[in-house]
Protein backbone atom coordinates (compact mmCIF):
# COMPACT_ATOMS: atom_id res chain seq x y z
CA MET A 1 -1.54 -11.58 2.14
CA GLY A 2 -4.92 -12.00 3.49
CA VAL A 3 -5.18 -8.43 5.09
CA GLU A 4 -7.84 -5.63 4.03
CA HIS A 5 -6.24 -2.61 2.67
CA TYR A 6 -7.66 0.66 2.89
CA SER A 7 -7.55 3.31 0.11
CA ASP A 8 -7.32 6.10 2.13
CA ILE A 9 -4.11 4.92 3.91
CA GLU A 10 -1.09 6.00 1.64
CA PHE A 11 2.51 4.21 2.02
CA ILE A 12 1.51 1.49 4.25
CA VAL A 13 1.44 -1.78 2.90
CA PRO A 14 -0.10 -4.73 5.43
CA MET A 15 0.99 -8.22 4.98
CA LYS A 16 -0.14 -11.50 6.98
CA ILE A 17 3.00 -13.96 6.90
CA MET A 18 2.43 -17.44 7.64
CA ASN A 19 5.51 -19.64 7.84
CA ASN A 20 6.31 -21.81 10.99
CA PHE A 21 4.16 -19.33 12.69
CA GLU A 22 1.83 -16.60 11.77
CA PHE A 23 2.44 -12.85 12.04
CA TYR A 24 1.44 -9.48 10.71
CA LEU A 25 3.93 -7.22 8.99
CA PHE A 26 3.41 -3.07 8.21
CA ALA A 27 5.59 -2.17 5.55
CA ILE A 28 5.47 1.66 6.30
CA TRP A 29 6.95 4.90 4.52
CA ALA A 30 6.15 7.98 6.23
CA MET A 31 5.60 11.00 3.97
CA GLU A 32 3.30 13.78 3.40
CA PRO A 33 -0.01 12.53 2.43
CA LEU A 34 -0.83 13.20 -1.18
CA GLY A 35 -4.54 12.76 -1.27
CA GLU A 36 -7.63 13.75 1.04
CA ASP A 37 -5.00 13.85 3.89
CA LYS A 38 -2.95 16.37 1.94
CA GLY A 39 -0.76 19.00 4.39
CA LYS A 40 -1.04 16.96 7.46
CA PRO A 41 2.27 15.67 9.41
CA TYR A 42 4.17 12.60 8.03
CA THR A 43 3.15 10.63 11.01
CA TYR A 44 -0.58 11.25 10.38
CA GLN A 45 -0.69 8.27 7.81
CA ILE A 46 0.79 5.85 10.59
CA GLU A 47 -1.54 7.18 13.18
CA LYS A 48 -4.21 6.51 10.83
CA ALA A 49 -3.18 3.15 10.18
CA VAL A 50 -2.74 2.20 13.74
CA LYS A 51 -6.46 2.99 14.52
CA LYS A 52 -7.61 1.27 11.45
CA TYR A 53 -5.93 -2.15 12.15
CA GLU A 54 -6.24 -1.70 16.01
CA ASN A 55 -7.79 -5.04 16.09
CA ILE A 56 -5.03 -6.96 14.46
CA LEU A 57 -2.52 -5.16 16.82
CA LYS A 58 -3.83 -5.62 19.88
CA ASN A 59 -4.60 -9.26 19.29
CA ASN A 60 -1.62 -10.62 16.94
CA LEU A 61 1.95 -10.88 16.79
CA SER A 62 2.83 -7.76 14.54
CA ILE A 63 5.69 -5.64 13.27
CA LEU A 64 5.85 -2.15 11.90
CA ILE A 65 8.74 -1.50 10.27
CA GLY A 66 9.95 0.84 7.47
CA ASP A 67 11.20 4.61 6.99
CA TYR A 68 9.73 6.67 9.67
CA ASN A 69 11.17 9.78 7.76
CA THR A 70 9.65 12.46 10.01
CA PRO A 71 10.92 15.84 9.64
CA ASN A 72 12.21 17.64 12.78
CA ILE A 73 9.34 20.11 13.17
CA GLU A 74 5.72 18.96 13.21
CA LYS A 75 2.28 20.62 14.13
CA PRO A 76 1.64 20.46 17.82
CA VAL A 77 0.35 17.15 18.71
CA GLU A 78 -3.10 16.54 20.26
CA LYS A 79 -3.54 16.60 24.01
CA ASN A 80 -4.77 13.14 24.57
CA ARG A 81 -2.95 11.27 21.83
CA VAL A 82 -2.02 7.42 22.19
CA TYR A 83 0.68 5.85 20.44
CA GLY A 84 1.22 2.32 21.77
CA TYR A 85 -0.84 -0.46 23.48
């Protein structure tokens, strides 16, 4: 697989795929964190992964795929939050 996995990011598995071309695949299951981030919104782990893997996402073909199973009601979002590149 060849991609560092961070133990504080739950339910997201990064993979480097190499065949005729190379890309990164992030398998995501959005759910309430169980560890140190317990009680934070479902989307928190996704946001955390995007920040930690920022260099890969900015400089390589990448696919984030999975179950974004977010509830209808979330805690208020931070004013200056960035979701994309």
